[in-house]
């Protein structure tokens, strides 16, 4: 497998992972919506376990695309 750089953006609403070649060319990307719980009016909470699981999912999808 060629060397790549993978960037991750774990935002409030969307988590994205993108693989780049060493010269900066975008190779593959994956994104998934992040979960936000709203237990009461004006409240917003996020589970870091869920955020990590969704981040791992995008990384796995990018890895699978690189293997193709």
N, C-alpha and C. Protein backbone atom coordinates (compact mmCIF):
# COMPACT_ATOMS: atom_id res chain seq x y z
N UNK A 1 0.84 -1.17 0.00
CA UNK A 1 0.00 0.00 0.00
C UNK A 1 0.89 1.25 0.00
N UNK A 2 0.51 2.21 -0.79
CA UNK A 2 1.25 3.48 -0.86
C UNK A 2 1.06 4.27 0.43
N UNK A 3 2.00 5.14 0.72
CA UNK A 3 1.87 5.99 1.89
C UNK A 3 0.81 7.05 1.64
N UNK A 4 -0.02 7.30 2.66
CA UNK A 4 -1.07 8.31 2.57
C UNK A 4 -1.10 9.10 3.87
N UNK A 5 -1.75 10.23 3.79
CA UNK A 5 -2.04 11.04 4.97
C UNK A 5 -3.55 11.04 5.12
N UNK A 6 -4.04 10.76 6.32
CA UNK A 6 -5.48 10.74 6.57
C UNK A 6 -5.82 11.86 7.55
N UNK A 7 -6.75 12.69 7.14
CA UNK A 7 -7.24 13.76 8.01
C UNK A 7 -8.62 13.41 8.52
N UNK A 8 -8.90 13.78 9.76
CA UNK A 8 -10.20 13.53 10.37
C UNK A 8 -10.77 14.85 10.88
N UNK A 9 -12.03 15.09 10.57
CA UNK A 9 -12.77 16.24 11.10
C UNK A 9 -13.97 15.69 11.85
N UNK A 10 -13.86 15.64 13.17
CA UNK A 10 -14.96 15.14 14.01
C UNK A 10 -15.76 16.34 14.49
N UNK A 11 -16.67 16.80 13.65
CA UNK A 11 -17.47 17.97 13.97
C UNK A 11 -18.72 17.62 14.75
N UNK A 12 -19.44 18.64 15.11
CA UNK A 12 -20.66 18.46 15.89
C UNK A 12 -21.73 17.71 15.11
N UNK A 13 -21.86 18.01 13.81
CA UNK A 13 -22.93 17.40 13.03
C UNK A 13 -22.47 16.32 12.07
N UNK A 14 -21.24 16.41 11.58
CA UNK A 14 -20.73 15.43 10.62
C UNK A 14 -19.29 15.07 10.97
N UNK A 15 -18.95 13.79 10.80
CA UNK A 15 -17.58 13.32 10.98
C UNK A 15 -17.07 12.91 9.61
N UNK A 16 -15.89 13.42 9.24
CA UNK A 16 -15.32 13.12 7.93
C UNK A 16 -13.89 12.62 8.08
N UNK A 17 -13.54 11.65 7.24
CA UNK A 17 -12.16 11.20 7.12
C UNK A 17 -11.80 11.25 5.65
N UNK A 18 -10.61 11.76 5.35
CA UNK A 18 -10.16 11.91 3.97
C UNK A 18 -8.72 11.43 3.86
N UNK A 19 -8.45 10.61 2.84
CA UNK A 19 -7.09 10.14 2.57
C UNK A 19 -6.51 10.96 1.42
N UNK A 20 -5.26 11.40 1.62
CA UNK A 20 -4.54 12.18 0.61
C UNK A 20 -3.24 11.48 0.25
N UNK A 21 -2.82 11.63 -1.00
CA UNK A 21 -1.48 11.17 -1.38
C UNK A 21 -0.47 12.13 -0.75
N UNK A 22 0.79 11.75 -0.78
CA UNK A 22 1.82 12.61 -0.19
C UNK A 22 1.99 13.93 -0.94
N UNK A 23 1.48 14.01 -2.19
CA UNK A 23 1.55 15.28 -2.92
C UNK A 23 0.25 16.08 -2.80
N UNK A 24 -0.66 15.65 -1.89
CA UNK A 24 -1.86 16.42 -1.59
C UNK A 24 -3.10 16.09 -2.39
N UNK A 25 -3.03 15.08 -3.26
CA UNK A 25 -4.20 14.69 -4.05
C UNK A 25 -5.19 13.94 -3.17
N UNK A 26 -6.47 14.35 -3.21
CA UNK A 26 -7.50 13.64 -2.45
C UNK A 26 -7.75 12.28 -3.10
N UNK A 27 -7.64 11.22 -2.32
CA UNK A 27 -7.80 9.87 -2.84
C UNK A 27 -9.18 9.29 -2.54
N UNK A 28 -9.57 9.31 -1.29
CA UNK A 28 -10.85 8.75 -0.86
C UNK A 28 -11.35 9.50 0.35
N UNK A 29 -12.69 9.48 0.53
CA UNK A 29 -13.25 10.13 1.71
C UNK A 29 -14.51 9.39 2.16
N UNK A 30 -14.85 9.60 3.41
CA UNK A 30 -16.05 9.01 3.99
C UNK A 30 -16.59 10.00 5.01
N UNK A 31 -17.91 10.05 5.12
CA UNK A 31 -18.52 10.92 6.13
C UNK A 31 -19.78 10.26 6.67
N UNK A 32 -20.11 10.63 7.90
CA UNK A 32 -21.31 10.11 8.56
C UNK A 32 -21.83 11.19 9.50
N UNK A 33 -23.14 11.25 9.66
CA UNK A 33 -23.71 12.23 10.59
C UNK A 33 -23.36 11.85 12.01
N UNK A 34 -23.06 12.85 12.81
CA UNK A 34 -22.80 12.64 14.23
C UNK A 34 -24.12 12.80 14.99
N UNK A 35 -24.25 12.11 16.10
CA UNK A 35 -25.48 12.14 16.89
C UNK A 35 -25.42 13.24 17.93
N UNK A 36 -26.51 13.99 18.04
CA UNK A 36 -26.65 15.00 19.08
C UNK A 36 -27.93 14.68 19.84
N UNK A 37 -27.80 14.49 21.14
CA UNK A 37 -28.97 14.25 22.00
C UNK A 37 -29.43 15.58 22.56
N UNK A 38 -30.73 15.76 22.61
CA UNK A 38 -31.31 16.99 23.16
C UNK A 38 -32.29 16.58 24.28
N UNK A 39 -31.75 16.33 25.49
CA UNK A 39 -32.58 15.82 26.58
C UNK A 39 -33.55 16.84 27.16
N UNK A 40 -33.32 18.11 26.93
CA UNK A 40 -34.22 19.15 27.44
C UNK A 40 -34.09 20.38 26.54
N UNK A 41 -35.05 21.25 26.66
CA UNK A 41 -35.04 22.47 25.86
C UNK A 41 -33.76 23.27 26.12
N UNK A 42 -33.05 23.60 25.05
CA UNK A 42 -31.82 24.38 25.17
C UNK A 42 -30.58 23.56 25.49
N UNK A 43 -30.73 22.27 25.65
CA UNK A 43 -29.60 21.39 25.96
C UNK A 43 -29.15 20.66 24.70
N UNK A 44 -27.88 20.35 24.63
CA UNK A 44 -27.33 19.50 23.57
C UNK A 44 -26.18 18.71 24.17
N UNK A 45 -26.21 17.40 23.97
CA UNK A 45 -25.16 16.53 24.50
C UNK A 45 -24.70 15.58 23.40
N UNK A 46 -23.44 15.18 23.49
CA UNK A 46 -22.91 14.18 22.57
C UNK A 46 -22.15 13.14 23.36
N UNK A 47 -22.32 11.89 22.96
CA UNK A 47 -21.60 10.78 23.56
C UNK A 47 -20.25 10.65 22.86
N UNK A 48 -19.17 10.75 23.62
CA UNK A 48 -17.84 10.60 23.02
C UNK A 48 -17.62 9.16 22.55
N UNK A 49 -18.29 8.19 23.18
CA UNK A 49 -18.20 6.80 22.71
C UNK A 49 -18.80 6.71 21.31
N UNK A 50 -19.98 7.30 21.12
CA UNK A 50 -20.62 7.28 19.80
C UNK A 50 -19.78 8.04 18.78
N UNK A 51 -19.25 9.20 19.17
CA UNK A 51 -18.40 9.97 18.27
C UNK A 51 -17.18 9.16 17.85
N UNK A 52 -16.55 8.47 18.80
CA UNK A 52 -15.39 7.65 18.47
C UNK A 52 -15.78 6.50 17.54
N UNK A 53 -16.91 5.83 17.82
CA UNK A 53 -17.35 4.71 16.98
C UNK A 53 -17.61 5.18 15.55
N UNK A 54 -18.23 6.32 15.39
CA UNK A 54 -18.51 6.85 14.06
C UNK A 54 -17.22 7.30 13.36
N UNK A 55 -16.27 7.84 14.13
CA UNK A 55 -14.97 8.19 13.57
C UNK A 55 -14.26 6.94 13.07
N UNK A 56 -14.27 5.89 13.88
CA UNK A 56 -13.65 4.62 13.48
C UNK A 56 -14.33 4.06 12.24
N UNK A 57 -15.65 4.23 12.13
CA UNK A 57 -16.38 3.77 10.95
C UNK A 57 -15.88 4.47 9.69
N UNK A 58 -15.71 5.80 9.76
CA UNK A 58 -15.24 6.53 8.57
C UNK A 58 -13.81 6.13 8.22
N UNK A 59 -12.98 5.92 9.23
CA UNK A 59 -11.60 5.49 8.96
C UNK A 59 -11.58 4.11 8.31
N UNK A 60 -12.43 3.21 8.78
CA UNK A 60 -12.51 1.87 8.19
C UNK A 60 -12.97 1.94 6.74
N UNK A 61 -13.95 2.80 6.46
CA UNK A 61 -14.45 2.94 5.09
C UNK A 61 -13.37 3.50 4.17
N UNK A 62 -12.60 4.47 4.64
CA UNK A 62 -11.50 5.01 3.83
C UNK A 62 -10.46 3.93 3.59
N UNK A 63 -10.13 3.17 4.63
CA UNK A 63 -9.16 2.08 4.48
C UNK A 63 -9.64 1.06 3.45
N UNK A 64 -10.92 0.70 3.49
CA UNK A 64 -11.47 -0.25 2.52
C UNK A 64 -11.35 0.30 1.10
N UNK A 65 -11.60 1.59 0.91
CA UNK A 65 -11.50 2.20 -0.41
C UNK A 65 -10.05 2.19 -0.91
N UNK A 66 -9.11 2.38 0.01
CA UNK A 66 -7.70 2.37 -0.38
C UNK A 66 -7.25 0.98 -0.81
N UNK A 67 -7.87 -0.05 -0.23
CA UNK A 67 -7.51 -1.43 -0.57
C UNK A 67 -8.02 -1.85 -1.94
N UNK A 68 -9.02 -1.11 -2.48
CA UNK A 68 -9.59 -1.49 -3.80
C UNK A 68 -8.62 -1.23 -4.92
